[in-house]
Amino acid sequence: MGAIEWLAPETSDRMLERQKFTGLGIVLALLYWFAESVIHRFVYAEEFFEVVPSDVNELLMRLLIIALIVIFGVFADNRAKKIRESEQEKHAVFVATVRSTQHILNNLLNQLQLVFFDLEKEHCLESETRKLLEKSIREGKEQVERLSTVSDISSESIEESVKPR
């Protein structure tokens, strides 16, 4: 995460995305509480519809269940955050690896071109060998460039990016 992103206030969309399981847990907990009240009134034929039960045992049971539902939502949000952070780290490592590899290969290809020019100056290359070497240098540069533009970090997309065309 860049410095600017870190300092910028979170938009409501990003905050909702980050806390979606906690929010869902709260909604489910409230629905559960209301459903329990309805069940007690109509199934158990209690005299009054009580949103907050007068029986302490019933109140404690509802509070415990609601707490478990909300805690599970918080746990799920924390786990999802760790997974997102892990994916971001994998992406950063991939990008750094590709850039480093691209730097090394570009240096190698440039040095190979220098050798190619020296050999060509001395007329040491046959026409067929010269064409093959030119083609290899060009294809190597193209493959490195395609690899550096991979956005979907999967083995299939990486392999596809470096297949000869």
N, C-alpha and C. Protein backbone atom coordinates (compact mmCIF):
# COMPACT_ATOMS: atom_id res chain seq x y z
N MET A 1 0.85 -1.16 0.00
CA MET A 1 0.00 0.00 0.00
C MET A 1 0.90 1.23 0.00
N GLY A 2 0.64 2.16 -0.90
CA GLY A 2 1.45 3.35 -1.00
C GLY A 2 1.13 4.33 0.11
N ALA A 3 2.00 5.32 0.28
CA ALA A 3 1.83 6.30 1.35
C ALA A 3 0.55 7.11 1.14
N ILE A 4 0.25 7.46 -0.08
CA ILE A 4 -0.94 8.25 -0.35
C ILE A 4 -2.19 7.45 -0.03
N GLU A 5 -2.23 6.19 -0.43
CA GLU A 5 -3.39 5.34 -0.13
C GLU A 5 -3.58 5.19 1.37
N TRP A 6 -2.48 5.10 2.10
CA TRP A 6 -2.55 4.89 3.53
C TRP A 6 -3.11 6.12 4.23
N LEU A 7 -2.74 7.31 3.73
CA LEU A 7 -3.19 8.55 4.36
C LEU A 7 -4.60 8.93 3.95
N ALA A 8 -5.05 8.46 2.80
CA ALA A 8 -6.38 8.83 2.31
C ALA A 8 -7.45 8.20 3.18
N PRO A 9 -8.51 8.97 3.47
CA PRO A 9 -9.59 8.38 4.27
C PRO A 9 -10.28 7.28 3.49
N GLU A 10 -10.73 6.29 4.22
CA GLU A 10 -11.38 5.15 3.56
C GLU A 10 -12.75 5.58 3.03
N THR A 11 -13.04 5.15 1.82
CA THR A 11 -14.36 5.41 1.28
C THR A 11 -15.32 4.43 1.93
N SER A 12 -16.59 4.78 1.90
CA SER A 12 -17.57 3.90 2.53
C SER A 12 -17.61 2.54 1.83
N ASP A 13 -17.37 2.51 0.52
CA ASP A 13 -17.35 1.24 -0.20
C ASP A 13 -16.23 0.34 0.28
N ARG A 14 -15.03 0.91 0.45
CA ARG A 14 -13.89 0.12 0.92
C ARG A 14 -14.12 -0.35 2.35
N MET A 15 -14.71 0.52 3.16
CA MET A 15 -14.96 0.15 4.55
C MET A 15 -16.01 -0.96 4.62
N LEU A 16 -17.06 -0.84 3.79
CA LEU A 16 -18.07 -1.90 3.76
C LEU A 16 -17.47 -3.22 3.30
N GLU A 17 -16.61 -3.16 2.30
CA GLU A 17 -15.96 -4.37 1.80
C GLU A 17 -15.12 -5.01 2.89
N ARG A 18 -14.42 -4.17 3.66
CA ARG A 18 -13.54 -4.69 4.70
C ARG A 18 -14.32 -5.27 5.89
N GLN A 19 -15.49 -4.75 6.16
CA GLN A 19 -16.26 -5.17 7.33
C GLN A 19 -17.55 -5.91 6.96
N LYS A 20 -17.59 -6.51 5.78
CA LYS A 20 -18.85 -7.09 5.32
C LYS A 20 -19.33 -8.26 6.18
N PHE A 21 -18.42 -9.09 6.69
CA PHE A 21 -18.86 -10.23 7.49
C PHE A 21 -19.32 -9.78 8.88
N THR A 22 -18.68 -8.76 9.42
CA THR A 22 -19.13 -8.23 10.71
C THR A 22 -20.53 -7.64 10.55
N GLY A 23 -20.74 -6.86 9.49
CA GLY A 23 -22.06 -6.30 9.23
C GLY A 23 -23.10 -7.38 9.02
N LEU A 24 -22.73 -8.39 8.27
CA LEU A 24 -23.65 -9.51 8.04
C LEU A 24 -23.96 -10.22 9.36
N GLY A 25 -22.95 -10.37 10.21
CA GLY A 25 -23.16 -11.00 11.52
C GLY A 25 -24.13 -10.19 12.37
N ILE A 26 -24.00 -8.87 12.34
CA ILE A 26 -24.91 -8.02 13.12
C ILE A 26 -26.33 -8.13 12.59
N VAL A 27 -26.48 -8.10 11.27
CA VAL A 27 -27.82 -8.23 10.67
C VAL A 27 -28.44 -9.58 11.03
N LEU A 28 -27.64 -10.66 10.90
CA LEU A 28 -28.16 -11.99 11.24
C LEU A 28 -28.51 -12.09 12.72
N ALA A 29 -27.70 -11.46 13.57
CA ALA A 29 -27.97 -11.48 15.01
C ALA A 29 -29.28 -10.77 15.32
N LEU A 30 -29.52 -9.63 14.67
CA LEU A 30 -30.78 -8.91 14.89
C LEU A 30 -31.98 -9.71 14.37
N LEU A 31 -31.80 -10.33 13.21
CA LEU A 31 -32.87 -11.19 12.68
C LEU A 31 -33.15 -12.36 13.61
N TYR A 32 -32.08 -12.94 14.14
CA TYR A 32 -32.25 -14.04 15.09
C TYR A 32 -33.03 -13.58 16.32
N TRP A 33 -32.66 -12.42 16.85
CA TRP A 33 -33.33 -11.89 18.05
C TRP A 33 -34.82 -11.71 17.78
N PHE A 34 -35.15 -11.10 16.64
CA PHE A 34 -36.55 -10.88 16.29
C PHE A 34 -37.27 -12.20 16.08
N ALA A 35 -36.63 -13.15 15.39
CA ALA A 35 -37.24 -14.47 15.16
C ALA A 35 -37.50 -15.18 16.48
N GLU A 36 -36.59 -15.08 17.42
CA GLU A 36 -36.79 -15.69 18.74
C GLU A 36 -38.00 -15.08 19.43
N SER A 37 -38.15 -13.77 19.33
CA SER A 37 -39.30 -13.10 19.94
C SER A 37 -40.60 -13.58 19.30
N VAL A 38 -40.60 -13.72 17.97
CA VAL A 38 -41.79 -14.19 17.25
C VAL A 38 -42.10 -15.63 17.65
N ILE A 39 -41.08 -16.46 17.72
CA ILE A 39 -41.29 -17.87 18.11
C ILE A 39 -41.88 -17.97 19.51
N HIS A 40 -41.34 -17.19 20.44
CA HIS A 40 -41.86 -17.25 21.81
C HIS A 40 -43.30 -16.77 21.87
N ARG A 41 -43.65 -15.77 21.08
CA ARG A 41 -45.02 -15.26 21.12
C ARG A 41 -46.00 -16.23 20.48
N PHE A 42 -45.68 -16.77 19.31
CA PHE A 42 -46.66 -17.55 18.56
C PHE A 42 -46.51 -19.05 18.73
N VAL A 43 -45.31 -19.58 18.86
CA VAL A 43 -45.14 -21.02 19.00
C VAL A 43 -45.35 -21.43 20.46
N TYR A 44 -44.73 -20.69 21.37
CA TYR A 44 -44.88 -21.01 22.79
C TYR A 44 -46.09 -20.33 23.41
N ALA A 45 -46.83 -19.57 22.61
CA ALA A 45 -48.07 -18.91 23.01
C ALA A 45 -47.91 -18.07 24.28
N GLU A 46 -46.80 -17.32 24.31
CA GLU A 46 -46.62 -16.40 25.43
C GLU A 46 -47.64 -15.28 25.31
N GLU A 47 -48.00 -14.73 26.45
CA GLU A 47 -49.08 -13.74 26.49
C GLU A 47 -48.72 -12.44 25.78
N PHE A 48 -47.46 -11.99 25.91
CA PHE A 48 -47.04 -10.71 25.33
C PHE A 48 -45.89 -10.93 24.34
N PHE A 49 -45.83 -10.06 23.35
CA PHE A 49 -44.70 -10.05 22.42
C PHE A 49 -43.59 -9.24 23.08
N GLU A 50 -42.54 -9.93 23.48
CA GLU A 50 -41.45 -9.26 24.18
C GLU A 50 -40.21 -9.23 23.28
N VAL A 51 -39.77 -8.02 22.95
CA VAL A 51 -38.54 -7.88 22.19
C VAL A 51 -37.37 -8.20 23.12
N VAL A 52 -37.44 -7.69 24.34
CA VAL A 52 -36.45 -8.01 25.36
C VAL A 52 -37.15 -8.94 26.35
N PRO A 53 -36.72 -10.19 26.41
CA PRO A 53 -37.42 -11.15 27.28
C PRO A 53 -37.27 -10.80 28.77
N SER A 54 -38.32 -11.06 29.49
CA SER A 54 -38.30 -10.79 30.93
C SER A 54 -37.57 -11.90 31.69
N ASP A 55 -37.51 -13.09 31.10
CA ASP A 55 -36.79 -14.21 31.72
C ASP A 55 -35.29 -13.99 31.54
N VAL A 56 -34.55 -13.93 32.63
CA VAL A 56 -33.11 -13.67 32.60
C VAL A 56 -32.37 -14.77 31.83
N ASN A 57 -32.77 -16.01 32.02
CA ASN A 57 -32.12 -17.13 31.33
C ASN A 57 -32.27 -16.98 29.82
N GLU A 58 -33.47 -16.64 29.38
CA GLU A 58 -33.73 -16.46 27.94
C GLU A 58 -32.91 -15.28 27.41
N LEU A 59 -32.83 -14.20 28.16
CA LEU A 59 -32.06 -13.03 27.75
C LEU A 59 -30.58 -13.39 27.61
N LEU A 60 -30.04 -14.12 28.59
CA LEU A 60 -28.63 -14.51 28.53
C LEU A 60 -28.35 -15.45 27.36
N MET A 61 -29.25 -16.37 27.07
CA MET A 61 -29.07 -17.27 25.94
C MET A 61 -29.05 -16.50 24.62
N ARG A 62 -29.97 -15.55 24.47
CA ARG A 62 -29.99 -14.75 23.24
C ARG A 62 -28.72 -13.92 23.10
N LEU A 63 -28.30 -13.30 24.21
CA LEU A 63 -27.08 -12.50 24.17
C LEU A 63 -25.86 -13.35 23.80
N LEU A 64 -25.80 -14.55 24.35
CA LEU A 64 -24.68 -15.44 24.04
C LEU A 64 -24.67 -15.81 22.56
N ILE A 65 -25.82 -16.16 22.03
CA ILE A 65 -25.90 -16.56 20.62
C ILE A 65 -25.58 -15.37 19.71
N ILE A 66 -26.09 -14.20 20.05
CA ILE A 66 -25.81 -13.00 19.27
C ILE A 66 -24.31 -12.68 19.31
N ALA A 67 -23.73 -12.79 20.49
CA ALA A 67 -22.30 -12.52 20.62
C ALA A 67 -21.49 -13.49 19.75
N LEU A 68 -21.87 -14.75 19.74
CA LEU A 68 -21.16 -15.74 18.92
C LEU A 68 -21.29 -15.42 17.43
N ILE A 69 -22.47 -15.02 17.00
CA ILE A 69 -22.68 -14.69 15.59
C ILE A 69 -21.82 -13.49 15.19
N VAL A 70 -21.82 -12.43 16.02
CA VAL A 70 -21.04 -11.23 15.71
C VAL A 70 -19.54 -11.53 15.78
N ILE A 71 -19.12 -12.29 16.78
CA ILE A 71 -17.70 -12.64 16.90
C ILE A 71 -17.25 -13.44 15.69
N PHE A 72 -18.10 -14.33 15.20
CA PHE A 72 -17.74 -15.08 14.00
C PHE A 72 -17.57 -14.13 12.81
N GLY A 73 -18.45 -13.12 12.69
CA GLY A 73 -18.32 -12.14 11.62
C GLY A 73 -17.01 -11.37 11.70
N VAL A 74 -16.63 -10.97 12.92
CA VAL A 74 -15.36 -10.26 13.12
C VAL A 74 -14.19 -11.18 12.75
N PHE A 75 -14.26 -12.42 13.20
CA PHE A 75 -13.21 -13.39 12.86
C PHE A 75 -13.10 -13.57 11.35
N ALA A 76 -14.23 -13.70 10.68
CA ALA A 76 -14.22 -13.88 9.21
C ALA A 76 -13.63 -12.66 8.52
N ASP A 77 -13.94 -11.45 9.00
CA ASP A 77 -13.36 -10.24 8.42
C ASP A 77 -11.85 -10.21 8.61
N ASN A 78 -11.39 -10.57 9.80
CA ASN A 78 -9.95 -10.59 10.05
C ASN A 78 -9.24 -11.61 9.18
N ARG A 79 -9.85 -12.76 9.02
CA ARG A 79 -9.26 -13.81 8.17
C ARG A 79 -9.22 -13.35 6.71
N ALA A 80 -10.30 -12.73 6.25
CA ALA A 80 -10.34 -12.22 4.87
C ALA A 80 -9.28 -11.13 4.67
N LYS A 81 -9.06 -10.30 5.68
CA LYS A 81 -8.03 -9.25 5.60
C LYS A 81 -6.65 -9.89 5.46
N LYS A 82 -6.38 -10.94 6.24
CA LYS A 82 -5.08 -11.61 6.16
C LYS A 82 -4.89 -12.23 4.78
N ILE A 83 -5.93 -12.80 4.22
CA ILE A 83 -5.85 -13.40 2.89
C ILE A 83 -5.57 -12.32 1.84
N ARG A 84 -6.27 -11.17 1.94
CA ARG A 84 -6.03 -10.06 1.00
C ARG A 84 -4.59 -9.56 1.10
N GLU A 85 -4.10 -9.41 2.33
CA GLU A 85 -2.72 -8.95 2.53
C GLU A 85 -1.72 -9.94 1.95
N SER A 86 -2.00 -11.23 2.12
CA SER A 86 -1.11 -12.26 1.58
C SER A 86 -1.10 -12.19 0.06
N GLU A 87 -2.26 -12.00 -0.55
CA GLU A 87 -2.34 -11.90 -2.01
C GLU A 87 -1.61 -10.67 -2.50
N GLN A 88 -1.74 -9.55 -1.78
CA GLN A 88 -1.02 -8.33 -2.17
C GLN A 88 0.49 -8.53 -2.08
N GLU A 89 0.93 -9.23 -1.04
CA GLU A 89 2.36 -9.50 -0.89
C GLU A 89 2.87 -10.40 -2.00
N LYS A 90 2.08 -11.43 -2.34
CA LYS A 90 2.48 -12.32 -3.45
C LYS A 90 2.59 -11.53 -4.75
N HIS A 91 1.65 -10.63 -4.96
CA HIS A 91 1.66 -9.82 -6.18
C HIS A 91 2.90 -8.92 -6.20
N ALA A 92 3.22 -8.32 -5.06
CA ALA A 92 4.40 -7.44 -4.99
C ALA A 92 5.68 -8.24 -5.23
N VAL A 93 5.77 -9.44 -4.69
CA VAL A 93 6.95 -10.28 -4.91
C VAL A 93 7.05 -10.66 -6.38
N PHE A 94 5.92 -11.00 -6.98
CA PHE A 94 5.92 -11.36 -8.41
C PHE A 94 6.40 -10.19 -9.26
N VAL A 95 5.86 -9.00 -9.00
CA VAL A 95 6.24 -7.83 -9.79
C VAL A 95 7.73 -7.54 -9.61
N ALA A 96 8.22 -7.61 -8.38
CA ALA A 96 9.65 -7.36 -8.13
C ALA A 96 10.51 -8.41 -8.84
N THR A 97 10.08 -9.65 -8.83
CA THR A 97 10.83 -10.72 -9.50
C THR A 97 10.86 -10.51 -11.00
N VAL A 98 9.72 -10.16 -11.57
CA VAL A 98 9.65 -9.93 -13.01
C VAL A 98 10.53 -8.75 -13.41
N ARG A 99 10.45 -7.66 -12.63
CA ARG A 99 11.27 -6.49 -12.97
C ARG A 99 12.75 -6.80 -12.86
N SER A 100 13.14 -7.54 -11.83
CA SER A 100 14.55 -7.91 -11.68
C SER A 100 15.00 -8.82 -12.80
N THR A 101 14.16 -9.78 -13.14
CA THR A 101 14.47 -10.70 -14.24
C THR A 101 14.57 -9.94 -15.55
N GLN A 102 13.64 -9.02 -15.74
CA GLN A 102 13.66 -8.23 -16.97
C GLN A 102 14.95 -7.42 -17.06
N HIS A 103 15.37 -6.84 -15.97
CA HIS A 103 16.62 -6.07 -15.95
C HIS A 103 17.81 -6.96 -16.32
N ILE A 104 17.89 -8.11 -15.69
CA ILE A 104 19.01 -9.03 -15.94
C ILE A 104 18.99 -9.50 -17.40
N LEU A 105 17.82 -9.91 -17.88
CA LEU A 105 17.74 -10.40 -19.26
C LEU A 105 18.00 -9.31 -20.28
N ASN A 106 17.53 -8.10 -20.01
CA ASN A 106 17.81 -7.00 -20.95
C ASN A 106 19.30 -6.72 -21.01
N ASN A 107 19.97 -6.75 -19.86
CA ASN A 107 21.43 -6.58 -19.87
C ASN A 107 22.10 -7.69 -20.68
N LEU A 108 21.66 -8.92 -20.45
CA LEU A 108 22.23 -10.05 -21.18
C LEU A 108 21.99 -9.92 -22.68
N LEU A 109 20.78 -9.56 -23.08
CA LEU A 109 20.46 -9.42 -24.49
C LEU A 109 21.25 -8.27 -25.13
N ASN A 110 21.41 -7.18 -24.39
CA ASN A 110 22.20 -6.07 -24.92
C ASN A 110 23.66 -6.47 -25.10
N GLN A 111 24.20 -7.22 -24.15
CA GLN A 111 25.58 -7.69 -24.28
C GLN A 111 25.71 -8.68 -25.44
N LEU A 112 24.69 -9.49 -25.60
CA LEU A 112 24.68 -10.43 -26.73
C LEU A 112 24.64 -9.68 -28.05
N GLN A 113 23.89 -8.60 -28.11
CA GLN A 113 23.86 -7.79 -29.33
C GLN A 113 25.23 -7.17 -29.61
N LEU A 114 25.91 -6.75 -28.55
CA LEU A 114 27.26 -6.19 -28.72
C LEU A 114 28.19 -7.24 -29.31
N VAL A 115 28.13 -8.45 -28.79
CA VAL A 115 28.94 -9.55 -29.34
C VAL A 115 28.53 -9.80 -30.80
N PHE A 116 27.25 -9.77 -31.06
CA PHE A 116 26.73 -9.98 -32.41
C PHE A 116 27.30 -8.93 -33.38
N PHE A 117 27.31 -7.66 -32.96
CA PHE A 117 27.84 -6.59 -33.82
C PHE A 117 29.34 -6.77 -34.06
N ASP A 118 30.07 -7.17 -33.01
CA ASP A 118 31.51 -7.41 -33.17
C ASP A 118 31.77 -8.56 -34.15
N LEU A 119 31.00 -9.62 -34.00
CA LEU A 119 31.17 -10.77 -34.91
C LEU A 119 30.77 -10.40 -36.33
N GLU A 120 29.76 -9.59 -36.46
CA GLU A 120 29.31 -9.17 -37.78
C GLU A 120 30.36 -8.26 -38.43
N LYS A 121 30.98 -7.41 -37.61
CA LYS A 121 32.02 -6.51 -38.11
C LYS A 121 33.22 -7.30 -38.65
N GLU A 122 33.49 -8.41 -37.99
CA GLU A 122 34.63 -9.24 -38.40
C GLU A 122 34.22 -10.26 -39.47
N HIS A 123 32.95 -10.23 -39.86
CA HIS A 123 32.41 -11.16 -40.85
C HIS A 123 32.60 -12.61 -40.43
N CYS A 124 32.38 -12.88 -39.16
CA CYS A 124 32.55 -14.23 -38.62
C CYS A 124 31.24 -15.02 -38.62
N LEU A 125 30.12 -14.38 -38.95
CA LEU A 125 28.83 -15.06 -38.92
C LEU A 125 28.34 -15.39 -40.31
N GLU A 126 27.84 -16.59 -40.43
CA GLU A 126 27.19 -16.96 -41.68
C GLU A 126 25.82 -16.32 -41.70
N SER A 127 25.25 -16.17 -42.85
CA SER A 127 23.96 -15.49 -43.01
C SER A 127 22.86 -16.17 -42.19
N GLU A 128 22.82 -17.47 -42.23
CA GLU A 128 21.78 -18.23 -41.50
C GLU A 128 21.95 -18.05 -39.99
N THR A 129 23.19 -18.11 -39.52
CA THR A 129 23.47 -17.94 -38.09
C THR A 129 23.12 -16.53 -37.65
N ARG A 130 23.43 -15.55 -38.47
CA ARG A 130 23.11 -14.15 -38.16
C ARG A 130 21.61 -13.96 -38.02
N LYS A 131 20.84 -14.53 -38.96
CA LYS A 131 19.37 -14.42 -38.90
C LYS A 131 18.82 -15.11 -37.66
N LEU A 132 19.35 -16.27 -37.34
CA LEU A 132 18.90 -17.01 -36.15
C LEU A 132 19.20 -16.22 -34.87
N LEU A 133 20.37 -15.63 -34.80
CA LEU A 133 20.75 -14.85 -33.63
C LEU A 133 19.89 -13.60 -33.49
N GLU A 134 19.63 -12.91 -34.59
CA GLU A 134 18.76 -11.73 -34.57
C GLU A 134 17.35 -12.11 -34.10
N LYS A 135 16.85 -13.23 -34.63
CA LYS A 135 15.51 -13.69 -34.27
C LYS A 135 15.46 -14.05 -32.78
N SER A 136 16.48 -14.73 -32.29
CA SER A 136 16.52 -15.13 -30.87
C SER A 136 16.54 -13.92 -29.95
N ILE A 137 17.33 -12.90 -30.31
CA ILE A 137 17.40 -11.68 -29.49
C ILE A 137 16.04 -10.97 -29.49
N ARG A 138 15.43 -10.86 -30.66
CA ARG A 138 14.13 -10.19 -30.78
C ARG A 138 13.05 -10.94 -29.98
N GLU A 139 13.00 -12.27 -30.13
CA GLU A 139 12.00 -13.07 -29.41
C GLU A 139 12.23 -13.01 -27.90
N GLY A 140 13.48 -13.03 -27.48
CA GLY A 140 13.79 -12.93 -26.05
C GLY A 140 13.28 -11.63 -25.46
N LYS A 141 13.51 -10.52 -26.18
CA LYS A 141 13.02 -9.22 -25.70
C LYS A 141 11.49 -9.18 -25.66
N GLU A 142 10.85 -9.74 -26.67
CA GLU A 142 9.38 -9.76 -26.72
C GLU A 142 8.81 -10.60 -25.57
N GLN A 143 9.42 -11.74 -25.29
CA GLN A 143 8.92 -12.60 -24.21
C GLN A 143 9.08 -11.93 -22.84
N VAL A 144 10.20 -11.27 -22.63
CA VAL A 144 10.41 -10.56 -21.37
C VAL A 144 9.38 -9.44 -21.23
N GLU A 145 9.12 -8.73 -22.33
CA GLU A 145 8.13 -7.65 -22.30
C GLU A 145 6.73 -8.20 -21.99
N ARG A 146 6.35 -9.30 -22.64
CA ARG A 146 5.03 -9.91 -22.37
C ARG A 146 4.93 -10.39 -20.93
N LEU A 147 6.00 -10.96 -20.42
CA LEU A 147 6.00 -11.44 -19.03
C LEU A 147 5.80 -10.28 -18.06
N SER A 148 6.38 -9.13 -18.38
CA SER A 148 6.27 -7.99 -17.47
C SER A 148 4.88 -7.37 -17.48
N THR A 149 4.03 -7.74 -18.45
CA THR A 149 2.68 -7.17 -18.50
C THR A 149 1.61 -8.12 -17.96
N VAL A 150 2.02 -9.26 -17.41
CA VAL A 150 1.04 -10.21 -16.86
C VAL A 150 0.36 -9.57 -15.65
N SER A 151 -0.97 -9.55 -15.67
CA SER A 151 -1.70 -8.98 -14.53
C SER A 151 -2.36 -10.07 -13.69
N ASP A 152 -2.77 -11.16 -14.33
CA ASP A 152 -3.36 -12.29 -13.61
C ASP A 152 -2.23 -13.23 -13.21
N ILE A 153 -1.91 -13.23 -11.92
CA ILE A 153 -0.76 -14.01 -11.47
C ILE A 153 -1.21 -15.44 -11.22
N SER A 154 -1.15 -16.22 -12.28
CA SER A 154 -1.43 -17.65 -12.18
C SER A 154 -0.42 -18.36 -13.08
N SER A 155 -0.18 -19.62 -12.78
CA SER A 155 0.82 -20.35 -13.57
C SER A 155 0.43 -20.40 -15.05
N GLU A 156 -0.87 -20.52 -15.32
CA GLU A 156 -1.32 -20.59 -16.71
C GLU A 156 -1.04 -19.29 -17.46
N SER A 157 -1.37 -18.15 -16.84
CA SER A 157 -1.17 -16.88 -17.55
C SER A 157 0.31 -16.56 -17.70
N ILE A 158 1.13 -16.94 -16.73
CA ILE A 158 2.57 -16.70 -16.84
C ILE A 158 3.15 -17.56 -17.95
N GLU A 159 2.78 -18.84 -17.97
CA GLU A 159 3.27 -19.73 -19.04
C GLU A 159 2.79 -19.27 -20.40
N GLU A 160 1.56 -18.80 -20.47
CA GLU A 160 1.01 -18.32 -21.75
C GLU A 160 1.76 -17.10 -22.24
N SER A 161 2.20 -16.25 -21.33
CA SER A 161 2.87 -15.01 -21.73
C SER A 161 4.25 -15.26 -22.35
N VAL A 162 4.89 -16.36 -22.01
CA VAL A 162 6.23 -16.61 -22.54
C VAL A 162 6.27 -17.66 -23.64
N LYS A 163 5.10 -18.15 -24.06
CA LYS A 163 5.09 -19.10 -25.18
C LYS A 163 5.55 -18.41 -26.44
N PRO A 164 6.36 -19.08 -27.22
CA PRO A 164 6.79 -18.49 -28.50
C PRO A 164 5.58 -18.25 -29.40
N ARG A 165 5.64 -17.15 -30.12
CA ARG A 165 4.51 -16.81 -31.00
C ARG A 165 4.90 -16.92 -32.44
